[in-house]
Amino acid sequence: MDVTLAVSEKYQTLLEPNLHDGYLLGIGLPLPRRAELAAADVAEKRYCITLDGVIGLHVGDFWEGNVMLDVTVSRASKYG
């Protein structure tokens, strides 16, 4: 099922689905310039967030059981 993501214009943080206190379950790189993030909300509903046009991906401190604070979306132009 596809879900439209709602992103705050002011802070570029993901509003819907609400993943605050949810879990990042996995990260996949199935194709060049594509990343897929498997996540679950506090009710354990699962989502796959597909990011197309990815230029760079930095993941740090990714541990089993980590709880997400928020998801921030940035455009490539922000980084040059």
PDB file of N, CA and C in Angstrom:
ATOM      1  N   MET A   1       0.842  -1.169   0.000  1.00  0.00           N
ATOM      2  CA  MET A   1       0.000   0.000   0.000  1.00  0.00           C
ATOM      3  C   MET A   1       0.895   1.242   0.000  1.00  0.00           C
ATOM      4  N   ASP A   2       0.644   2.154  -0.920  1.00  0.00           N
ATOM      5  CA  ASP A   2       1.387   3.409  -0.970  1.00  0.00           C
ATOM      6  C   ASP A   2       0.752   4.417  -0.028  1.00  0.00           C
ATOM      7  N   VAL A   3       1.591   5.159   0.672  1.00  0.00           N
ATOM      8  CA  VAL A   3       1.139   6.189   1.590  1.00  0.00           C
ATOM      9  C   VAL A   3       1.828   7.482   1.202  1.00  0.00           C
ATOM     10  N   THR A   4       1.076   8.573   1.131  1.00  0.00           N
ATOM     11  CA  THR A   4       1.682   9.866   0.868  1.00  0.00           C
ATOM     12  C   THR A   4       2.279  10.387   2.167  1.00  0.00           C
ATOM     13  N   LEU A   5       3.530  10.796   2.093  1.00  0.00           N
ATOM     14  CA  LEU A   5       4.209  11.309   3.279  1.00  0.00           C
ATOM     15  C   LEU A   5       3.888  12.782   3.460  1.00  0.00           C
ATOM     16  N   ALA A   6       3.575  13.167   4.674  1.00  0.00           N
ATOM     17  CA  ALA A   6       3.350  14.576   4.997  1.00  0.00           C
ATOM     18  C   ALA A   6       4.596  15.089   5.702  1.00  0.00           C
ATOM     19  N   VAL A   7       5.210  16.127   5.130  1.00  0.00           N
ATOM     20  CA  VAL A   7       6.457  16.681   5.661  1.00  0.00           C
ATOM     21  C   VAL A   7       6.223  18.129   6.073  1.00  0.00           C
ATOM     22  N   SER A   8       6.671  18.483   7.269  1.00  0.00           N
ATOM     23  CA  SER A   8       6.569  19.854   7.758  1.00  0.00           C
ATOM     24  C   SER A   8       7.423  20.763   6.887  1.00  0.00           C
ATOM     25  N   GLU A   9       6.834  21.846   6.365  1.00  0.00           N
ATOM     26  CA  GLU A   9       7.603  22.779   5.535  1.00  0.00           C
ATOM     27  C   GLU A   9       8.680  23.490   6.330  1.00  0.00           C
ATOM     28  N   LYS A  10       8.384  23.837   7.568  1.00  0.00           N
ATOM     29  CA  LYS A  10       9.322  24.607   8.375  1.00  0.00           C
ATOM     30  C   LYS A  10      10.545  23.793   8.780  1.00  0.00           C
ATOM     31  N   TYR A  11      10.339  22.553   9.207  1.00  0.00           N
ATOM     32  CA  TYR A  11      11.451  21.761   9.749  1.00  0.00           C
ATOM     33  C   TYR A  11      11.868  20.585   8.880  1.00  0.00           C
ATOM     34  N   GLN A  12      11.157  20.302   7.795  1.00  0.00           N
ATOM     35  CA  GLN A  12      11.426  19.175   6.911  1.00  0.00           C
ATOM     36  C   GLN A  12      11.383  17.834   7.660  1.00  0.00           C
ATOM     37  N   THR A  13      10.547  17.730   8.675  1.00  0.00           N
ATOM     38  CA  THR A  13      10.401  16.474   9.402  1.00  0.00           C
ATOM     39  C   THR A  13       9.128  15.771   8.968  1.00  0.00           C
ATOM     40  N   LEU A  14       9.177  14.471   8.976  1.00  0.00           N
ATOM     41  CA  LEU A  14       8.054  13.646   8.573  1.00  0.00           C
ATOM     42  C   LEU A  14       6.936  13.741   9.611  1.00  0.00           C
ATOM     43  N   LEU A  15       5.719  14.096   9.163  1.00  0.00           N
ATOM     44  CA  LEU A  15       4.562  14.202  10.049  1.00  0.00           C
ATOM     45  C   LEU A  15       3.681  12.952   9.977  1.00  0.00           C
ATOM     46  N   GLU A  16       3.451  12.464   8.765  1.00  0.00           N
ATOM     47  CA  GLU A  16       2.629  11.280   8.547  1.00  0.00           C
ATOM     48  C   GLU A  16       3.328  10.375   7.555  1.00  0.00           C
ATOM     49  N   PRO A  17       3.484   9.116   7.844  1.00  0.00           N
ATOM     50  CA  PRO A  17       3.059   8.468   9.079  1.00  0.00           C
ATOM     51  C   PRO A  17       3.898   8.951  10.261  1.00  0.00           C
ATOM     52  N   ASN A  18       3.305   8.920  11.432  1.00  0.00           N
ATOM     53  CA  ASN A  18       3.993   9.365  12.642  1.00  0.00           C
ATOM     54  C   ASN A  18       4.905   8.236  13.134  1.00  0.00           C
ATOM     55  N   LEU A  19       6.203   8.412  12.952  1.00  0.00           N
ATOM     56  CA  LEU A  19       7.158   7.380  13.353  1.00  0.00           C
ATOM     57  C   LEU A  19       7.896   7.728  14.638  1.00  0.00           C
ATOM     58  N   HIS A  20       7.477   8.828  15.306  1.00  0.00           N
ATOM     59  CA  HIS A  20       8.089   9.192  16.579  1.00  0.00           C
ATOM     60  C   HIS A  20       7.906   8.038  17.567  1.00  0.00           C
ATOM     61  N   ASP A  21       8.980   7.636  18.205  1.00  0.00           N
ATOM     62  CA  ASP A  21       9.015   6.499  19.131  1.00  0.00           C
ATOM     63  C   ASP A  21       8.828   5.161  18.425  1.00  0.00           C
ATOM     64  N   GLY A  22       8.857   5.171  17.088  1.00  0.00           N
ATOM     65  CA  GLY A  22       8.804   3.925  16.327  1.00  0.00           C
ATOM     66  C   GLY A  22      10.203   3.362  16.151  1.00  0.00           C
ATOM     67  N   TYR A  23      10.334   2.399  15.252  1.00  0.00           N
ATOM     68  CA  TYR A  23      11.598   1.686  15.078  1.00  0.00           C
ATOM     69  C   TYR A  23      12.040   1.675  13.623  1.00  0.00           C
ATOM     70  N   LEU A  24      13.327   1.852  13.398  1.00  0.00           N
ATOM     71  CA  LEU A  24      13.921   1.635  12.090  1.00  0.00           C
ATOM     72  C   LEU A  24      14.332   0.177  12.053  1.00  0.00           C
ATOM     73  N   LEU A  25      13.717  -0.588  11.166  1.00  0.00           N
ATOM     74  CA  LEU A  25      13.924  -2.032  11.119  1.00  0.00           C
ATOM     75  C   LEU A  25      15.041  -2.440  10.163  1.00  0.00           C
ATOM     76  N   GLY A  26      15.238  -1.639   9.119  1.00  0.00           N
ATOM     77  CA  GLY A  26      16.274  -1.992   8.160  1.00  0.00           C
ATOM     78  C   GLY A  26      16.432  -0.938   7.087  1.00  0.00           C
ATOM     79  N   ILE A  27      17.563  -1.020   6.390  1.00  0.00           N
ATOM     80  CA  ILE A  27      17.883  -0.104   5.303  1.00  0.00           C
ATOM     81  C   ILE A  27      18.315  -0.943   4.121  1.00  0.00           C
ATOM     82  N   GLY A  28      17.732  -0.681   2.964  1.00  0.00           N
ATOM     83  CA  GLY A  28      18.102  -1.407   1.763  1.00  0.00           C
ATOM     84  C   GLY A  28      18.502  -0.456   0.655  1.00  0.00           C
ATOM     85  N   LEU A  29      19.402  -0.920  -0.200  1.00  0.00           N
ATOM     86  CA  LEU A  29      19.838  -0.159  -1.374  1.00  0.00           C
ATOM     87  C   LEU A  29      19.608  -1.047  -2.597  1.00  0.00           C
ATOM     88  N   PRO A  30      18.329  -1.200  -3.036  1.00  0.00           N
ATOM     89  CA  PRO A  30      18.001  -2.159  -4.081  1.00  0.00           C
ATOM     90  C   PRO A  30      18.452  -1.769  -5.479  1.00  0.00           C
ATOM     91  N   LEU A  31      18.583  -0.474  -5.732  1.00  0.00           N
ATOM     92  CA  LEU A  31      18.974   0.038  -7.042  1.00  0.00           C
ATOM     93  C   LEU A  31      19.889   1.234  -6.861  1.00  0.00           C
ATOM     94  N   PRO A  32      20.677   1.573  -7.882  1.00  0.00           N
ATOM     95  CA  PRO A  32      21.463   2.793  -7.778  1.00  0.00           C
ATOM     96  C   PRO A  32      20.549   4.004  -7.524  1.00  0.00           C
ATOM     97  N   ARG A  33      20.954   4.879  -6.615  1.00  0.00           N
ATOM     98  CA  ARG A  33      20.246   6.114  -6.288  1.00  0.00           C
ATOM     99  C   ARG A  33      18.877   5.872  -5.651  1.00  0.00           C
ATOM    100  N   ARG A  34      18.676   4.684  -5.076  1.00  0.00           N
ATOM    101  CA  ARG A  34      17.426   4.392  -4.358  1.00  0.00           C
ATOM    102  C   ARG A  34      17.752   3.775  -3.005  1.00  0.00           C
ATOM    103  N   ALA A  35      17.079   4.268  -1.975  1.00  0.00           N
ATOM    104  CA  ALA A  35      17.200   3.684  -0.636  1.00  0.00           C
ATOM    105  C   ALA A  35      15.801   3.347  -0.142  1.00  0.00           C
ATOM    106  N   GLU A  36      15.690   2.239   0.561  1.00  0.00           N
ATOM    107  CA  GLU A  36      14.425   1.849   1.162  1.00  0.00           C
ATOM    108  C   GLU A  36      14.626   1.693   2.658  1.00  0.00           C
ATOM    109  N   LEU A  37      13.775   2.367   3.421  1.00  0.00           N
ATOM    110  CA  LEU A  37      13.837   2.314   4.877  1.00  0.00           C
ATOM    111  C   LEU A  37      12.627   1.545   5.380  1.00  0.00           C
ATOM    112  N   ALA A  38      12.862   0.457   6.083  1.00  0.00           N
ATOM    113  CA  ALA A  38      11.781  -0.302   6.698  1.00  0.00           C
ATOM    114  C   ALA A  38      11.620   0.218   8.116  1.00  0.00           C
ATOM    115  N   ALA A  39      10.392   0.617   8.466  1.00  0.00           N
ATOM    116  CA  ALA A  39      10.142   1.220   9.769  1.00  0.00           C
ATOM    117  C   ALA A  39       8.811   0.710  10.318  1.00  0.00           C
ATOM    118  N   ALA A  40       8.632   0.878  11.623  1.00  0.00           N
ATOM    119  CA  ALA A  40       7.371   0.530  12.273  1.00  0.00           C
ATOM    120  C   ALA A  40       7.020   1.626  13.265  1.00  0.00           C
ATOM    121  N   ASP A  41       5.724   1.938  13.371  1.00  0.00           N
ATOM    122  CA  ASP A  41       5.294   2.928  14.351  1.00  0.00           C
ATOM    123  C   ASP A  41       5.072   2.255  15.706  1.00  0.00           C
ATOM    124  N   VAL A  42       4.645   3.006  16.702  1.00  0.00           N
ATOM    125  CA  VAL A  42       4.483   2.448  18.053  1.00  0.00           C
ATOM    126  C   VAL A  42       3.400   1.380  18.113  1.00  0.00           C
ATOM    127  N   ALA A  43       2.460   1.411  17.170  1.00  0.00           N
ATOM    128  CA  ALA A  43       1.420   0.384  17.115  1.00  0.00           C
ATOM    129  C   ALA A  43       1.884  -0.839  16.311  1.00  0.00           C
ATOM    130  N   GLU A  44       3.159  -0.827  15.899  1.00  0.00           N
ATOM    131  CA  GLU A  44       3.807  -1.898  15.145  1.00  0.00           C
ATOM    132  C   GLU A  44       3.303  -2.022  13.710  1.00  0.00           C
ATOM    133  N   LYS A  45       2.658  -0.961  13.188  1.00  0.00           N
ATOM    134  CA  LYS A  45       2.304  -0.933  11.772  1.00  0.00           C
ATOM    135  C   LYS A  45       3.581  -0.659  10.993  1.00  0.00           C
ATOM    136  N   ARG A  46       3.822  -1.451   9.979  1.00  0.00           N
ATOM    137  CA  ARG A  46       5.081  -1.365   9.232  1.00  0.00           C
ATOM    138  C   ARG A  46       4.938  -0.516   7.972  1.00  0.00           C
ATOM    139  N   TYR A  47       6.033   0.167   7.640  1.00  0.00           N
ATOM    140  CA  TYR A  47       6.107   1.024   6.463  1.00  0.00           C
ATOM    141  C   TYR A  47       7.422   0.770   5.741  1.00  0.00           C
ATOM    142  N   CYS A  48       7.396   0.950   4.428  1.00  0.00           N
ATOM    143  CA  CYS A  48       8.624   0.972   3.639  1.00  0.00           C
ATOM    144  C   CYS A  48       8.675   2.347   2.980  1.00  0.00           C
ATOM    145  N   ILE A  49       9.653   3.145   3.381  1.00  0.00           N
ATOM    146  CA  ILE A  49       9.817   4.486   2.826  1.00  0.00           C
ATOM    147  C   ILE A  49      10.856   4.381   1.708  1.00  0.00           C
ATOM    148  N   THR A  50      10.435   4.678   0.478  1.00  0.00           N
ATOM    149  CA  THR A  50      11.318   4.601  -0.677  1.00  0.00           C
ATOM    150  C   THR A  50      11.810   6.000  -1.028  1.00  0.00           C
ATOM    151  N   LEU A  51      13.114   6.152  -1.107  1.00  0.00           N
ATOM    152  CA  LEU A  51      13.739   7.434  -1.440  1.00  0.00           C
ATOM    153  C   LEU A  51      14.433   7.286  -2.787  1.00  0.00           C
ATOM    154  N   ASP A  52      13.948   8.012  -3.796  1.00  0.00           N
ATOM    155  CA  ASP A  52      14.559   7.980  -5.126  1.00  0.00           C
ATOM    156  C   ASP A  52      15.458   9.184  -5.321  1.00  0.00           C
ATOM    157  N   GLY A  53      16.506   9.027  -6.115  1.00  0.00           N
ATOM    158  CA  GLY A  53      17.435  10.117  -6.393  1.00  0.00           C
ATOM    159  C   GLY A  53      18.444  10.339  -5.283  1.00  0.00           C
ATOM    160  N   VAL A  54      18.691   9.316  -4.490  1.00  0.00           N
ATOM    161  CA  VAL A  54      19.623   9.450  -3.366  1.00  0.00           C
ATOM    162  C   VAL A  54      21.044   9.631  -3.897  1.00  0.00           C
ATOM    163  N   ILE A  55      21.693  10.684  -3.433  1.00  0.00           N
ATOM    164  CA  ILE A  55      23.078  10.960  -3.820  1.00  0.00           C
ATOM    165  C   ILE A  55      24.029  10.413  -2.763  1.00  0.00           C
ATOM    166  N   GLY A  56      23.679  10.558  -1.514  1.00  0.00           N
ATOM    167  CA  GLY A  56      24.511  10.068  -0.421  1.00  0.00           C
ATOM    168  C   GLY A  56      23.641   9.629   0.733  1.00  0.00           C
ATOM    169  N   LEU A  57      24.116   8.654   1.474  1.00  0.00           N
ATOM    170  CA  LEU A  57      23.369   8.161   2.627  1.00  0.00           C
ATOM    171  C   LEU A  57      24.361   7.919   3.756  1.00  0.00           C
ATOM    172  N   HIS A  58      24.111   8.569   4.874  1.00  0.00           N
ATOM    173  CA  HIS A  58      24.965   8.392   6.049  1.00  0.00           C
ATOM    174  C   HIS A  58      24.110   7.827   7.166  1.00  0.00           C
ATOM    175  N   VAL A  59      24.503   6.676   7.658  1.00  0.00           N
ATOM    176  CA  VAL A  59      23.780   6.044   8.757  1.00  0.00           C
ATOM    177  C   VAL A  59      24.783   5.799   9.873  1.00  0.00           C
ATOM    178  N   GLY A  60      24.471   6.282  11.062  1.00  0.00           N
ATOM    179  CA  GLY A  60      25.367   6.092  12.195  1.00  0.00           C
ATOM    180  C   GLY A  60      24.588   5.654  13.420  1.00  0.00           C
ATOM    181  N   ASP A  61      25.255   4.918  14.275  1.00  0.00           N
ATOM    182  CA  ASP A  61      24.645   4.439  15.520  1.00  0.00           C
ATOM    183  C   ASP A  61      23.325   3.721  15.274  1.00  0.00           C
ATOM    184  N   PHE A  62      23.328   2.823  14.324  1.00  0.00           N
ATOM    185  CA  PHE A  62      22.147   2.030  13.989  1.00  0.00           C
ATOM    186  C   PHE A  62      22.251   0.712  14.743  1.00  0.00           C
ATOM    187  N   TRP A  63      21.429   0.566  15.777  1.00  0.00           N
ATOM    188  CA  TRP A  63      21.477  -0.606  16.645  1.00  0.00           C
ATOM    189  C   TRP A  63      20.094  -1.219  16.788  1.00  0.00           C
ATOM    190  N   GLU A  64      20.040  -2.522  16.962  1.00  0.00           N
ATOM    191  CA  GLU A  64      18.767  -3.196  17.190  1.00  0.00           C
ATOM    192  C   GLU A  64      18.099  -2.610  18.432  1.00  0.00           C
ATOM    193  N   GLY A  65      16.816  -2.293  18.313  1.00  0.00           N
ATOM    194  CA  GLY A  65      16.076  -1.755  19.446  1.00  0.00           C
ATOM    195  C   GLY A  65      16.091  -0.244  19.555  1.00  0.00           C
ATOM    196  N   ASN A  66      16.860   0.447  18.680  1.00  0.00           N
ATOM    197  CA  ASN A  66      16.857   1.912  18.729  1.00  0.00           C
ATOM    198  C   ASN A  66      15.464   2.451  18.427  1.00  0.00           C
ATOM    199  N   VAL A  67      15.087   3.509  19.121  1.00  0.00           N
ATOM    200  CA  VAL A  67      13.806   4.170  18.914  1.00  0.00           C
ATOM    201  C   VAL A  67      14.053   5.454  18.135  1.00  0.00           C
ATOM    202  N   MET A  68      13.190   5.732  17.141  1.00  0.00           N
ATOM    203  CA  MET A  68      13.348   6.934  16.323  1.00  0.00           C
ATOM    204  C   MET A  68      12.778   8.150  17.034  1.00  0.00           C
ATOM    205  N   LEU A  69      13.497   9.248  16.941  1.00  0.00           N
ATOM    206  CA  LEU A  69      12.989  10.528  17.419  1.00  0.00           C
ATOM    207  C   LEU A  69      12.151  11.164  16.313  1.00  0.00           C
ATOM    208  N   ASP A  70      12.747  11.298  15.118  1.00  0.00           N
ATOM    209  CA  ASP A  70      12.031  11.842  13.975  1.00  0.00           C
ATOM    210  C   ASP A  70      12.734  11.426  12.697  1.00  0.00           C
ATOM    211  N   VAL A  71      12.101  11.728  11.576  1.00  0.00           N
ATOM    212  CA  VAL A  71      12.673  11.491  10.251  1.00  0.00           C
ATOM    213  C   VAL A  71      12.747  12.847   9.574  1.00  0.00           C
ATOM    214  N   THR A  72      13.950  13.235   9.145  1.00  0.00           N
ATOM    215  CA  THR A  72      14.151  14.526   8.490  1.00  0.00           C
ATOM    216  C   THR A  72      14.439  14.295   7.003  1.00  0.00           C
ATOM    217  N   VAL A  73      13.790  15.080   6.148  1.00  0.00           N
ATOM    218  CA  VAL A  73      13.955  14.972   4.706  1.00  0.00           C
ATOM    219  C   VAL A  73      14.715  16.195   4.214  1.00  0.00           C
ATOM    220  N   SER A  74      15.792  15.971   3.457  1.00  0.00           N
ATOM    221  CA  SER A  74      16.590  17.076   2.916  1.00  0.00           C
ATOM    222  C   SER A  74      16.754  16.899   1.421  1.00  0.00           C
ATOM    223  N   ARG A  75      16.754  17.987   0.704  1.00  0.00           N
ATOM    224  CA  ARG A  75      16.991  17.958  -0.736  1.00  0.00           C
ATOM    225  C   ARG A  75      18.490  18.053  -1.000  1.00  0.00           C
ATOM    226  N   ALA A  76      18.909  17.471  -2.115  1.00  0.00           N
ATOM    227  CA  ALA A  76      20.328  17.449  -2.457  1.00  0.00           C
ATOM    228  C   ALA A  76      20.903  18.849  -2.595  1.00  0.00           C
ATOM    229  N   SER A  77      20.112  19.808  -3.049  1.00  0.00           N
ATOM    230  CA  SER A  77      20.616  21.171  -3.237  1.00  0.00           C
ATOM    231  C   SER A  77      21.127  21.776  -1.925  1.00  0.00           C
ATOM    232  N   LYS A  78      20.624  21.260  -0.801  1.00  0.00           N
ATOM    233  CA  LYS A  78      21.078  21.746   0.503  1.00  0.00           C
ATOM    234  C   LYS A  78      22.559  21.415   0.726  1.00  0.00           C
ATOM    235  N   TYR A  79      23.040  20.389   0.058  1.00  0.00           N
ATOM    236  CA  TYR A  79      24.404  19.923   0.263  1.00  0.00           C
ATOM    237  C   TYR A  79      25.321  20.224  -0.912  1.00  0.00           C
ATOM    238  N   GLY A  80      24.870  21.014  -1.833  1.00  0.00           N
ATOM    239  CA  GLY A  80      25.737  21.410  -2.929  1.00  0.00           C
ATOM    240  C   GLY A  80      25.347  20.776  -4.183  1.00  0.00           C
TER     241      GLY A  80
END
